[in-house]
Amino acid sequence: MILGLCVLLVSDDNEVANLRLNQIQVVGTHNSYHQRPAPAMLASAIRVNPAAKEWDYSRLPLAQQLDHGIRSFELDMHLLGNEWLVMHVPVFDPNSSCKTFGDALRQVKAWSDKHPRHVPISFLMECKEEGFAMSKKFRQPERADIERLEAIIREVFSREQIITPDDARPKGNASASPRGAWPTLSQAAGKVLFILHETGRNRENYVADHPTLEGRLMFVNSDPDAPHAGAIVMDNPNSNIADRAREGFFIRTRADGRENPSASRREKALASGAHILSTDYPAGEYPSHEAFGFPDEAPARINPVTGPANRAGQAILEPIP
């Protein structure tokens, strides 16, 4: 269902340049790194857990996903020693197109350098903790491990290339939550944005001493009334998303899942006002009648809830003016 509710018209250059980041929608991939397990391992995993049959797929490399219009990636990460490895499930489902967090960033940086003025690319990182229960090689993250994510980001991207919480809060008000003052697309073109997809101890370790994320590189998955609230993950594309979008939050929802690729869910996601629409059926991996995305694999479209009403759903093309 490539067309979904999208409108084929393209908005004019001046309007695109002046749109705010929270006035667009992009498509992201779920488990963006995932590679099919070895047949014997997959069969073994299915015997232990029948739901593991859903692991029988491979994503395109990140750069190829970007070529097909994807502008948001979701990475599951496990801590091995001091290294953040990107994988789904240790031992049973470990294959990945990017071995480490740093590898993923470098792949995207290389593509970004070749495509200046692209629609901003976002990353959602989930720091998994089940690895240490499966193998003593893995361990539970501590505060220093969460802090190290920033160091890895800085090794690849400069501060000027990153959209941070300070860039989204009202200027001159460090006590304000990081939302509602999002940069324009012209200001954000060619940049990246990071969301720590955590709500427990890992999030608390990151926001400690930075309650509004002042000076931080990453947003966090927040409750709307939290002082650090700027990005919110709402898996179910329901009517509450529109209210939160109007309040200035940047929202990710699930357009479908491997267990639920229904057209009605996809249509709800498109209409919801969420800014990142995560799919398990991206263009380039599935035929057009099964894939979810925008017409002609456009990298973004105008948000039907927060964007100009007379331009809702219109495609946004690159390079951004």
C-alpha atoms as a PDB file:
ATOM      1  CA  MET A   1       0.000   0.000   0.000  1.00  0.00           C
ATOM      2  CA  ILE A   2       2.579   2.544  -1.097  1.00  0.00           C
ATOM      3  CA  LEU A   3      -0.013   5.270  -1.710  1.00  0.00           C
ATOM      4  CA  GLY A   4      -1.868   5.058   1.604  1.00  0.00           C
ATOM      5  CA  LEU A   5      -3.438   8.453   2.238  1.00  0.00           C
ATOM      6  CA  CYS A   6      -0.590  10.331   0.587  1.00  0.00           C
ATOM      7  CA  VAL A   7      -1.147  13.135  -1.895  1.00  0.00           C
ATOM      8  CA  LEU A   8       1.012  13.109  -4.997  1.00  0.00           C
ATOM      9  CA  LEU A   9       1.403  16.893  -5.290  1.00  0.00           C
ATOM     10  CA  VAL A  10       4.715  18.331  -4.160  1.00  0.00           C
ATOM     11  CA  SER A  11       4.705  21.471  -2.017  1.00  0.00           C
ATOM     12  CA  ASP A  12       6.672  24.489  -3.211  1.00  0.00           C
ATOM     13  CA  ASP A  13      10.255  25.180  -2.174  1.00  0.00           C
ATOM     14  CA  ASN A  14       9.585  28.158   0.091  1.00  0.00           C
ATOM     15  CA  GLU A  15       6.924  26.342   2.053  1.00  0.00           C
ATOM     16  CA  VAL A  16       9.120  23.274   2.484  1.00  0.00           C
ATOM     17  CA  ALA A  17      12.014  25.370   3.764  1.00  0.00           C
ATOM     18  CA  ASN A  18       9.813  27.037   6.395  1.00  0.00           C
ATOM     19  CA  LEU A  19       8.081  23.915   7.669  1.00  0.00           C
ATOM     20  CA  ARG A  20       9.005  22.929  11.222  1.00  0.00           C
ATOM     21  CA  LEU A  21      10.371  19.472  11.921  1.00  0.00           C
ATOM     22  CA  ASN A  22       7.153  18.611  13.764  1.00  0.00           C
ATOM     23  CA  GLN A  23       5.110  19.496  10.668  1.00  0.00           C
ATOM     24  CA  ILE A  24       6.276  16.541   8.586  1.00  0.00           C
ATOM     25  CA  GLN A  25       6.013  12.754   8.566  1.00  0.00           C
ATOM     26  CA  VAL A  26       8.660  10.203   7.645  1.00  0.00           C
ATOM     27  CA  VAL A  27       8.705   6.425   7.360  1.00  0.00           C
ATOM     28  CA  GLY A  28      11.003   4.380   9.591  1.00  0.00           C
ATOM     29  CA  THR A  29      11.808   0.698   9.817  1.00  0.00           C
ATOM     30  CA  HIS A  30      11.299  -1.574  12.786  1.00  0.00           C
ATOM     31  CA  ASN A  31      14.398  -3.636  13.678  1.00  0.00           C
ATOM     32  CA  SER A  32      16.245  -1.721  10.972  1.00  0.00           C
ATOM     33  CA  TYR A  33      19.452  -3.797  11.302  1.00  0.00           C
ATOM     34  CA  HIS A  34      17.879  -7.261  11.294  1.00  0.00           C
ATOM     35  CA  GLN A  35      19.303 -10.119   9.227  1.00  0.00           C
ATOM     36  CA  ARG A  36      17.738 -13.562   8.928  1.00  0.00           C
ATOM     37  CA  PRO A  37      19.166 -16.110  11.421  1.00  0.00           C
ATOM     38  CA  ALA A  38      20.918 -19.214  10.180  1.00  0.00           C
ATOM     39  CA  PRO A  39      18.290 -21.882   9.342  1.00  0.00           C
ATOM     40  CA  ALA A  40      19.375 -24.257  12.100  1.00  0.00           C
ATOM     41  CA  MET A  41      19.374 -21.485  14.696  1.00  0.00           C
ATOM     42  CA  LEU A  42      15.969 -20.246  13.564  1.00  0.00           C
ATOM     43  CA  ALA A  43      14.519 -23.745  13.789  1.00  0.00           C
ATOM     44  CA  SER A  44      15.968 -24.120  17.277  1.00  0.00           C
ATOM     45  CA  ALA A  45      14.524 -20.777  18.356  1.00  0.00           C
ATOM     46  CA  ILE A  46      11.070 -21.690  17.021  1.00  0.00           C
ATOM     47  CA  ARG A  47      11.112 -24.903  19.051  1.00  0.00           C
ATOM     48  CA  VAL A  48      11.758 -22.839  22.172  1.00  0.00           C
ATOM     49  CA  ASN A  49       9.372 -20.026  21.218  1.00  0.00           C
ATOM     50  CA  PRO A  50       6.961 -20.445  18.271  1.00  0.00           C
ATOM     51  CA  ALA A  51       6.774 -16.647  17.902  1.00  0.00           C
ATOM     52  CA  ALA A  52      10.365 -16.763  16.643  1.00  0.00           C
ATOM     53  CA  LYS A  53       9.004 -17.665  13.208  1.00  0.00           C
ATOM     54  CA  GLU A  54       8.614 -13.893  12.758  1.00  0.00           C
ATOM     55  CA  TRP A  55      12.433 -13.543  12.738  1.00  0.00           C
ATOM     56  CA  ASP A  56      12.621 -15.041   9.238  1.00  0.00           C
ATOM     57  CA  TYR A  57      13.428 -11.833   7.338  1.00  0.00           C
ATOM     58  CA  SER A  58      16.320  -9.551   6.427  1.00  0.00           C
ATOM     59  CA  ARG A  59      16.378  -5.771   6.187  1.00  0.00           C
ATOM     60  CA  LEU A  60      18.311  -4.014   3.458  1.00  0.00           C
ATOM     61  CA  PRO A  61      21.549  -2.335   4.588  1.00  0.00           C
ATOM     62  CA  LEU A  62      20.860   1.082   6.114  1.00  0.00           C
ATOM     63  CA  ALA A  63      22.167   3.035   3.125  1.00  0.00           C
ATOM     64  CA  GLN A  64      19.902   1.108   0.766  1.00  0.00           C
ATOM     65  CA  GLN A  65      16.933   1.779   3.034  1.00  0.00           C
ATOM     66  CA  LEU A  66      17.745   5.478   2.791  1.00  0.00           C
ATOM     67  CA  ASP A  67      17.780   5.127  -1.002  1.00  0.00           C
ATOM     68  CA  HIS A  68      14.201   3.854  -0.760  1.00  0.00           C
ATOM     69  CA  GLY A  69      12.974   6.833   1.272  1.00  0.00           C
ATOM     70  CA  ILE A  70      13.394   5.531   4.841  1.00  0.00           C
ATOM     71  CA  ARG A  71      14.374   8.334   7.225  1.00  0.00           C
ATOM     72  CA  SER A  72      14.210   6.697  10.665  1.00  0.00           C
ATOM     73  CA  PHE A  73      15.979   3.663  12.101  1.00  0.00           C
ATOM     74  CA  GLU A  74      15.347   1.547  15.195  1.00  0.00           C
ATOM     75  CA  LEU A  75      18.311  -0.202  16.793  1.00  0.00           C
ATOM     76  CA  ASP A  76      18.263  -2.829  19.548  1.00  0.00           C
ATOM     77  CA  MET A  77      21.563  -2.808  21.416  1.00  0.00           C
ATOM     78  CA  HIS A  78      23.222  -5.178  23.880  1.00  0.00           C
ATOM     79  CA  LEU A  79      26.259  -4.449  26.012  1.00  0.00           C
ATOM     80  CA  LEU A  80      29.219  -6.781  25.527  1.00  0.00           C
ATOM     81  CA  GLY A  81      32.115  -5.594  27.653  1.00  0.00           C
ATOM     82  CA  ASN A  82      32.273  -1.897  26.822  1.00  0.00           C
ATOM     83  CA  GLU A  83      30.874  -2.304  23.306  1.00  0.00           C
ATOM     84  CA  TRP A  84      27.281  -1.605  22.278  1.00  0.00           C
ATOM     85  CA  LEU A  85      26.407  -4.390  19.828  1.00  0.00           C
ATOM     86  CA  VAL A  86      23.393  -4.065  17.517  1.00  0.00           C
ATOM     87  CA  MET A  87      21.304  -7.249  17.390  1.00  0.00           C
ATOM     88  CA  HIS A  88      17.839  -8.556  18.117  1.00  0.00           C
ATOM     89  CA  VAL A  89      18.341 -11.464  20.515  1.00  0.00           C
ATOM     90  CA  PRO A  90      21.783 -12.711  21.588  1.00  0.00           C
ATOM     91  CA  VAL A  91      22.625 -16.312  20.675  1.00  0.00           C
ATOM     92  CA  PHE A  92      19.308 -17.038  18.898  1.00  0.00           C
ATOM     93  CA  ASP A  93      18.869 -14.016  16.593  1.00  0.00           C
ATOM     94  CA  PRO A  94      22.184 -12.132  16.494  1.00  0.00           C
ATOM     95  CA  ASN A  95      22.682 -11.356  12.784  1.00  0.00           C
ATOM     96  CA  SER A  96      22.863  -7.666  11.948  1.00  0.00           C
ATOM     97  CA  SER A  97      23.808  -5.413   9.028  1.00  0.00           C
ATOM     98  CA  CYS A  98      25.709  -3.215  11.500  1.00  0.00           C
ATOM     99  CA  LYS A  99      27.726  -4.940  14.207  1.00  0.00           C
ATOM    100  CA  THR A 100      27.938  -1.981  16.591  1.00  0.00           C
ATOM    101  CA  PHE A 101      26.187   1.313  17.266  1.00  0.00           C
ATOM    102  CA  GLY A 102      29.179   3.105  15.835  1.00  0.00           C
ATOM    103  CA  ASP A 103      29.006   0.989  12.669  1.00  0.00           C
ATOM    104  CA  ALA A 104      25.362   1.989  12.165  1.00  0.00           C
ATOM    105  CA  LEU A 105      26.195   5.675  12.564  1.00  0.00           C
ATOM    106  CA  ARG A 106      29.118   5.498  10.152  1.00  0.00           C
ATOM    107  CA  GLN A 107      26.968   3.833   7.493  1.00  0.00           C
ATOM    108  CA  VAL A 108      24.407   6.619   7.744  1.00  0.00           C
ATOM    109  CA  LYS A 109      27.077   9.331   7.889  1.00  0.00           C
ATOM    110  CA  ALA A 110      28.618   8.051   4.646  1.00  0.00           C
ATOM    111  CA  TRP A 111      25.223   8.211   2.926  1.00  0.00           C
ATOM    112  CA  SER A 112      24.489  11.636   4.406  1.00  0.00           C
ATOM    113  CA  ASP A 113      27.763  13.048   3.107  1.00  0.00           C
ATOM    114  CA  LYS A 114      26.757  11.982  -0.417  1.00  0.00           C
ATOM    115  CA  HIS A 115      23.229  13.424  -0.108  1.00  0.00           C
ATOM    116  CA  PRO A 116      23.488  16.913   1.428  1.00  0.00           C
ATOM    117  CA  ARG A 117      20.274  18.720   2.415  1.00  0.00           C
ATOM    118  CA  HIS A 118      18.392  15.471   3.026  1.00  0.00           C
ATOM    119  CA  VAL A 119      15.355  15.209   5.289  1.00  0.00           C
ATOM    120  CA  PRO A 120      16.638  14.730   8.871  1.00  0.00           C
ATOM    121  CA  ILE A 121      17.323  11.116   9.815  1.00  0.00           C
ATOM    122  CA  SER A 122      16.300   9.878  13.258  1.00  0.00           C
ATOM    123  CA  PHE A 123      17.518   6.957  15.345  1.00  0.00           C
ATOM    124  CA  LEU A 124      15.600   5.217  18.127  1.00  0.00           C
ATOM    125  CA  MET A 125      17.922   3.175  20.333  1.00  0.00           C
ATOM    126  CA  GLU A 126      16.714   0.578  22.818  1.00  0.00           C
ATOM    127  CA  CYS A 127      19.314  -0.697  25.289  1.00  0.00           C
ATOM    128  CA  LYS A 128      18.243  -4.280  25.814  1.00  0.00           C
ATOM    129  CA  GLU A 129      19.026  -6.015  29.080  1.00  0.00           C
ATOM    130  CA  GLU A 130      18.118  -9.656  28.436  1.00  0.00           C
ATOM    131  CA  GLY A 131      21.515 -10.484  26.946  1.00  0.00           C
ATOM    132  CA  PHE A 132      23.215 -10.959  30.292  1.00  0.00           C
ATOM    133  CA  ALA A 133      20.557 -13.518  31.216  1.00  0.00           C
ATOM    134  CA  MET A 134      21.518 -15.599  28.172  1.00  0.00           C
ATOM    135  CA  SER A 135      25.286 -15.250  28.268  1.00  0.00           C
ATOM    136  CA  LYS A 136      27.748 -14.114  30.912  1.00  0.00           C
ATOM    137  CA  LYS A 137      29.560 -12.220  28.174  1.00  0.00           C
ATOM    138  CA  PHE A 138      26.819  -9.574  28.232  1.00  0.00           C
ATOM    139  CA  ARG A 139      26.103  -7.249  31.126  1.00  0.00           C
ATOM    140  CA  GLN A 140      23.494  -4.850  32.412  1.00  0.00           C
ATOM    141  CA  PRO A 141      24.119  -1.200  31.447  1.00  0.00           C
ATOM    142  CA  GLU A 142      25.254   1.247  34.095  1.00  0.00           C
ATOM    143  CA  ARG A 143      25.111   5.029  33.978  1.00  0.00           C
ATOM    144  CA  ALA A 144      28.558   5.297  32.378  1.00  0.00           C
ATOM    145  CA  ASP A 145      27.450   2.933  29.605  1.00  0.00           C
ATOM    146  CA  ILE A 146      24.456   5.102  28.767  1.00  0.00           C
ATOM    147  CA  GLU A 147      26.655   8.181  28.875  1.00  0.00           C
ATOM    148  CA  ARG A 148      29.048   6.516  26.424  1.00  0.00           C
ATOM    149  CA  LEU A 149      26.359   6.569  23.733  1.00  0.00           C
ATOM    150  CA  GLU A 150      26.984  10.309  23.440  1.00  0.00           C
ATOM    151  CA  ALA A 151      30.710   9.740  23.002  1.00  0.00           C
ATOM    152  CA  ILE A 152      30.033   7.286  20.174  1.00  0.00           C
ATOM    153  CA  ILE A 153      27.721   9.781  18.478  1.00  0.00           C
ATOM    154  CA  ARG A 154      30.344  12.530  18.750  1.00  0.00           C
ATOM    155  CA  GLU A 155      32.929  10.274  17.114  1.00  0.00           C
ATOM    156  CA  VAL A 156      30.817  10.247  13.947  1.00  0.00           C
ATOM    157  CA  PHE A 157      28.719  13.426  13.880  1.00  0.00           C
ATOM    158  CA  SER A 158      29.652  16.966  14.840  1.00  0.00           C
ATOM    159  CA  ARG A 159      27.394  18.957  17.165  1.00  0.00           C
ATOM    160  CA  GLU A 160      26.309  21.058  14.179  1.00  0.00           C
ATOM    161  CA  GLN A 161      24.986  17.916  12.468  1.00  0.00           C
ATOM    162  CA  ILE A 162      22.783  16.878  15.411  1.00  0.00           C
ATOM    163  CA  ILE A 163      19.312  18.134  16.330  1.00  0.00           C
ATOM    164  CA  THR A 164      19.410  18.164  20.134  1.00  0.00           C
ATOM    165  CA  PRO A 165      16.841  18.873  22.848  1.00  0.00           C
ATOM    166  CA  ASP A 166      18.270  22.390  23.180  1.00  0.00           C
ATOM    167  CA  ASP A 167      17.338  22.981  19.541  1.00  0.00           C
ATOM    168  CA  ALA A 168      13.680  22.127  20.209  1.00  0.00           C
ATOM    169  CA  ARG A 169      12.979  24.102  23.392  1.00  0.00           C
ATOM    170  CA  PRO A 170      11.967  27.783  23.512  1.00  0.00           C
ATOM    171  CA  LYS A 171      15.123  29.848  23.244  1.00  0.00           C
ATOM    172  CA  GLY A 172      16.550  31.203  26.481  1.00  0.00           C
ATOM    173  CA  ASN A 173      14.425  28.955  28.687  1.00  0.00           C
ATOM    174  CA  ALA A 174      16.549  26.054  29.922  1.00  0.00           C
ATOM    175  CA  SER A 175      13.811  24.950  32.332  1.00  0.00           C
ATOM    176  CA  ALA A 176      11.303  24.392  29.513  1.00  0.00           C
ATOM    177  CA  SER A 177      10.727  20.927  28.116  1.00  0.00           C
ATOM    178  CA  PRO A 178      12.401  20.301  24.741  1.00  0.00           C
ATOM    179  CA  ARG A 179       9.401  20.698  22.453  1.00  0.00           C
ATOM    180  CA  GLY A 180       7.366  23.256  20.588  1.00  0.00           C
ATOM    181  CA  ALA A 181      10.282  25.220  19.095  1.00  0.00           C
ATOM    182  CA  TRP A 182      11.463  22.718  16.514  1.00  0.00           C
ATOM    183  CA  PRO A 183      13.864  23.936  13.815  1.00  0.00           C
ATOM    184  CA  THR A 184      12.663  24.498  10.277  1.00  0.00           C
ATOM    185  CA  LEU A 185      13.419  21.952   7.608  1.00  0.00           C
ATOM    186  CA  SER A 186      15.861  24.418   6.089  1.00  0.00           C
ATOM    187  CA  GLN A 187      17.731  24.566   9.414  1.00  0.00           C
ATOM    188  CA  ALA A 188      17.488  20.784   9.981  1.00  0.00           C
ATOM    189  CA  ALA A 189      18.396  19.580   6.479  1.00  0.00           C
ATOM    190  CA  GLY A 190      21.268  17.108   6.400  1.00  0.00           C
ATOM    191  CA  LYS A 191      21.134  16.501  10.162  1.00  0.00           C
ATOM    192  CA  VAL A 192      20.362  13.588  12.482  1.00  0.00           C
ATOM    193  CA  LEU A 193      18.280  13.211  15.634  1.00  0.00           C
ATOM    194  CA  PHE A 194      18.594  10.620  18.413  1.00  0.00           C
ATOM    195  CA  ILE A 195      15.887   9.251  20.720  1.00  0.00           C
ATOM    196  CA  LEU A 196      16.804   6.980  23.626  1.00  0.00           C
ATOM    197  CA  HIS A 197      13.872   4.565  23.484  1.00  0.00           C
ATOM    198  CA  GLU A 198      13.873   3.852  27.213  1.00  0.00           C
ATOM    199  CA  THR A 199      11.439   4.427  30.073  1.00  0.00           C
ATOM    200  CA  GLY A 200      13.144   2.702  33.020  1.00  0.00           C
ATOM    201  CA  ARG A 201      16.490   2.805  34.758  1.00  0.00           C
ATOM    202  CA  ASN A 202      18.411   3.480  31.552  1.00  0.00           C
ATOM    203  CA  ARG A 203      16.374   6.621  30.933  1.00  0.00           C
ATOM    204  CA  GLU A 204      16.779   7.713  34.533  1.00  0.00           C
ATOM    205  CA  ASN A 205      20.537   7.278  34.298  1.00  0.00           C
ATOM    206  CA  TYR A 206      20.584   9.537  31.254  1.00  0.00           C
ATOM    207  CA  VAL A 207      18.332  12.318  32.568  1.00  0.00           C
ATOM    208  CA  ALA A 208      19.944  12.385  36.023  1.00  0.00           C
ATOM    209  CA  ASP A 209      21.344  15.897  36.599  1.00  0.00           C
ATOM    210  CA  HIS A 210      19.759  16.926  33.261  1.00  0.00           C
ATOM    211  CA  PRO A 211      16.008  16.962  34.028  1.00  0.00           C
ATOM    212  CA  THR A 212      15.129  18.946  30.891  1.00  0.00           C
ATOM    213  CA  LEU A 213      17.950  17.375  28.822  1.00  0.00           C
ATOM    214  CA  GLU A 214      19.817  20.676  28.770  1.00  0.00           C
ATOM    215  CA  GLY A 215      23.158  20.111  27.045  1.00  0.00           C
ATOM    216  CA  ARG A 216      22.280  16.529  26.090  1.00  0.00           C
ATOM    217  CA  LEU A 217      22.576  15.076  22.578  1.00  0.00           C
ATOM    218  CA  MET A 218      19.639  12.669  22.766  1.00  0.00           C
ATOM    219  CA  PHE A 219      15.939  13.003  23.360  1.00  0.00           C
ATOM    220  CA  VAL A 220      14.290  10.307  25.487  1.00  0.00           C
ATOM    221  CA  ASN A 221      10.989   8.491  25.211  1.00  0.00           C
ATOM    222  CA  SER A 222       9.002  10.563  27.672  1.00  0.00           C
ATOM    223  CA  ASP A 223       5.725  10.819  29.490  1.00  0.00           C
ATOM    224  CA  PRO A 224       4.002  14.005  28.276  1.00  0.00           C
ATOM    225  CA  ASP A 225       4.135  15.746  31.654  1.00  0.00           C
ATOM    226  CA  ALA A 226       7.823  14.992  32.322  1.00  0.00           C
ATOM    227  CA  PRO A 227      10.298  17.908  32.283  1.00  0.00           C
ATOM    228  CA  HIS A 228      12.313  16.063  29.620  1.00  0.00           C
ATOM    229  CA  ALA A 229       9.272  15.473  27.394  1.00  0.00           C
ATOM    230  CA  GLY A 230       9.950  16.234  23.749  1.00  0.00           C
ATOM    231  CA  ALA A 231       9.774  12.851  22.033  1.00  0.00           C
ATOM    232  CA  ILE A 232       7.069  10.287  22.728  1.00  0.00           C
ATOM    233  CA  VAL A 233       6.669   6.700  21.539  1.00  0.00           C
ATOM    234  CA  MET A 234       3.012   5.720  21.087  1.00  0.00           C
ATOM    235  CA  ASP A 235       2.921   2.288  19.436  1.00  0.00           C
ATOM    236  CA  ASN A 236      -0.826   2.281  18.874  1.00  0.00           C
ATOM    237  CA  PRO A 237      -1.911   4.800  16.193  1.00  0.00           C
ATOM    238  CA  ASN A 238      -4.901   6.129  18.103  1.00  0.00           C
ATOM    239  CA  SER A 239      -6.709   9.470  18.295  1.00  0.00           C
ATOM    240  CA  ASN A 240      -4.614  10.640  21.276  1.00  0.00           C
ATOM    241  CA  ILE A 241      -1.617  11.121  18.991  1.00  0.00           C
ATOM    242  CA  ALA A 242      -3.191  14.124  17.269  1.00  0.00           C
ATOM    243  CA  ASP A 243      -3.627  15.919  20.602  1.00  0.00           C
ATOM    244  CA  ARG A 244      -0.012  15.310  21.556  1.00  0.00           C
ATOM    245  CA  ALA A 245       1.203  16.373  18.122  1.00  0.00           C
ATOM    246  CA  ARG A 246      -0.658  19.682  18.447  1.00  0.00           C
ATOM    247  CA  GLU A 247       1.036  20.193  21.815  1.00  0.00           C
ATOM    248  CA  GLY A 248       4.421  20.185  20.082  1.00  0.00           C
ATOM    249  CA  PHE A 249       5.666  16.667  20.805  1.00  0.00           C
ATOM    250  CA  PHE A 250       7.628  14.616  18.254  1.00  0.00           C
ATOM    251  CA  ILE A 251       5.920  11.212  18.067  1.00  0.00           C
ATOM    252  CA  ARG A 252       6.738   7.768  16.720  1.00  0.00           C
ATOM    253  CA  THR A 253       4.010   5.186  16.123  1.00  0.00           C
ATOM    254  CA  ARG A 254       3.753   1.736  14.533  1.00  0.00           C
ATOM    255  CA  ALA A 255       2.052   1.735  11.139  1.00  0.00           C
ATOM    256  CA  ASP A 256       2.041  -2.059  11.105  1.00  0.00           C
ATOM    257  CA  GLY A 257       3.821  -5.081  12.502  1.00  0.00           C
ATOM    258  CA  ARG A 258       4.817  -8.458  11.167  1.00  0.00           C
ATOM    259  CA  GLU A 259       1.796  -9.780  13.030  1.00  0.00           C
ATOM    260  CA  ASN A 260      -0.536  -6.983  11.832  1.00  0.00           C
ATOM    261  CA  PRO A 261       0.040  -5.459   8.378  1.00  0.00           C
ATOM    262  CA  SER A 262      -3.580  -4.339   8.081  1.00  0.00           C
ATOM    263  CA  ALA A 263      -4.534  -1.493   5.735  1.00  0.00           C
ATOM    264  CA  SER A 264      -6.773   0.092   8.360  1.00  0.00           C
ATOM    265  CA  ARG A 265      -3.941   0.361  10.887  1.00  0.00           C
ATOM    266  CA  ARG A 266      -1.699   1.936   8.269  1.00  0.00           C
ATOM    267  CA  GLU A 267      -4.351   4.478   7.357  1.00  0.00           C
ATOM    268  CA  LYS A 268      -4.796   5.375  11.025  1.00  0.00           C
ATOM    269  CA  ALA A 269      -1.061   5.889  11.377  1.00  0.00           C
ATOM    270  CA  LEU A 270      -0.917   8.151   8.329  1.00  0.00           C
ATOM    271  CA  ALA A 271      -3.817  10.246   9.604  1.00  0.00           C
ATOM    272  CA  SER A 272      -2.712  10.266  13.247  1.00  0.00           C
ATOM    273  CA  GLY A 273      -0.267  13.181  13.125  1.00  0.00           C
ATOM    274  CA  ALA A 274       2.661  11.036  14.307  1.00  0.00           C
ATOM    275  CA  HIS A 275       5.977  12.140  12.838  1.00  0.00           C
ATOM    276  CA  ILE A 276       7.709   8.751  12.498  1.00  0.00           C
ATOM    277  CA  LEU A 277       5.631   5.925  11.024  1.00  0.00           C
ATOM    278  CA  SER A 278       7.445   2.661  11.739  1.00  0.00           C
ATOM    279  CA  THR A 279       6.890  -0.272   9.388  1.00  0.00           C
ATOM    280  CA  ASP A 280       7.892  -3.910   9.053  1.00  0.00           C
ATOM    281  CA  TYR A 281       7.115  -3.793   5.321  1.00  0.00           C
ATOM    282  CA  PRO A 282       9.340  -1.108   3.796  1.00  0.00           C
ATOM    283  CA  ALA A 283       9.688  -0.281   0.129  1.00  0.00           C
ATOM    284  CA  GLY A 284      12.599  -2.091  -1.476  1.00  0.00           C
ATOM    285  CA  GLU A 285      11.975  -5.242   0.549  1.00  0.00           C
ATOM    286  CA  TYR A 286       8.362  -5.898  -0.420  1.00  0.00           C
ATOM    287  CA  PRO A 287       6.310  -5.417  -3.590  1.00  0.00           C
ATOM    288  CA  SER A 288       4.275  -2.220  -3.794  1.00  0.00           C
ATOM    289  CA  HIS A 289       0.979  -3.918  -2.935  1.00  0.00           C
ATOM    290  CA  GLU A 290       2.463  -5.098   0.390  1.00  0.00           C
ATOM    291  CA  ALA A 291       4.880  -2.290   1.253  1.00  0.00           C
ATOM    292  CA  PHE A 292       4.103   0.757   3.358  1.00  0.00           C
ATOM    293  CA  GLY A 293       5.435   4.144   2.317  1.00  0.00           C
ATOM    294  CA  PHE A 294       4.857   7.391   0.473  1.00  0.00           C
ATOM    295  CA  PRO A 295       4.334   7.761  -3.293  1.00  0.00           C
ATOM    296  CA  ASP A 296       7.471   7.295  -5.372  1.00  0.00           C
ATOM    297  CA  GLU A 297       9.364   6.528  -2.140  1.00  0.00           C
ATOM    298  CA  ALA A 298       9.334  10.214  -1.170  1.00  0.00           C
ATOM    299  CA  PRO A 299      11.425  10.816   1.973  1.00  0.00           C
ATOM    300  CA  ALA A 300       8.717  12.812   3.772  1.00  0.00           C
ATOM    301  CA  ARG A 301       5.299  14.383   3.482  1.00  0.00           C
ATOM    302  CA  ILE A 302       3.463  17.268   5.147  1.00  0.00           C
ATOM    303  CA  ASN A 303       1.860  16.206   8.437  1.00  0.00           C
ATOM    304  CA  PRO A 304      -1.952  16.127   8.111  1.00  0.00           C
ATOM    305  CA  VAL A 305      -2.444  17.304  11.716  1.00  0.00           C
ATOM    306  CA  THR A 306       0.292  19.872  12.371  1.00  0.00           C
ATOM    307  CA  GLY A 307       1.160  21.014   8.854  1.00  0.00           C
ATOM    308  CA  PRO A 308      -0.651  23.605   6.719  1.00  0.00           C
ATOM    309  CA  ALA A 309      -4.178  22.271   6.218  1.00  0.00           C
ATOM    310  CA  ASN A 310      -4.259  23.114   2.519  1.00  0.00           C
ATOM    311  CA  ARG A 311      -1.041  21.106   1.952  1.00  0.00           C
ATOM    312  CA  ALA A 312      -1.773  18.053   4.125  1.00  0.00           C
ATOM    313  CA  GLY A 313      -0.187  14.896   2.794  1.00  0.00           C
ATOM    314  CA  GLN A 314       1.829  16.507   0.034  1.00  0.00           C
ATOM    315  CA  ALA A 315       5.175  14.918  -0.713  1.00  0.00           C
ATOM    316  CA  ILE A 316       8.432  16.593   0.302  1.00  0.00           C
ATOM    317  CA  LEU A 317      11.376  15.957  -1.994  1.00  0.00           C
ATOM    318  CA  GLU A 318      15.116  16.392  -1.605  1.00  0.00           C
ATOM    319  CA  PRO A 319      17.344  18.311  -1.537  1.00  0.00           C
ATOM    320  CA  ILE A 320      15.647  20.551   1.022  1.00  0.00           C
ATOM    321  CA  PRO A 321      15.964  24.214  -0.057  1.00  0.00           C
END
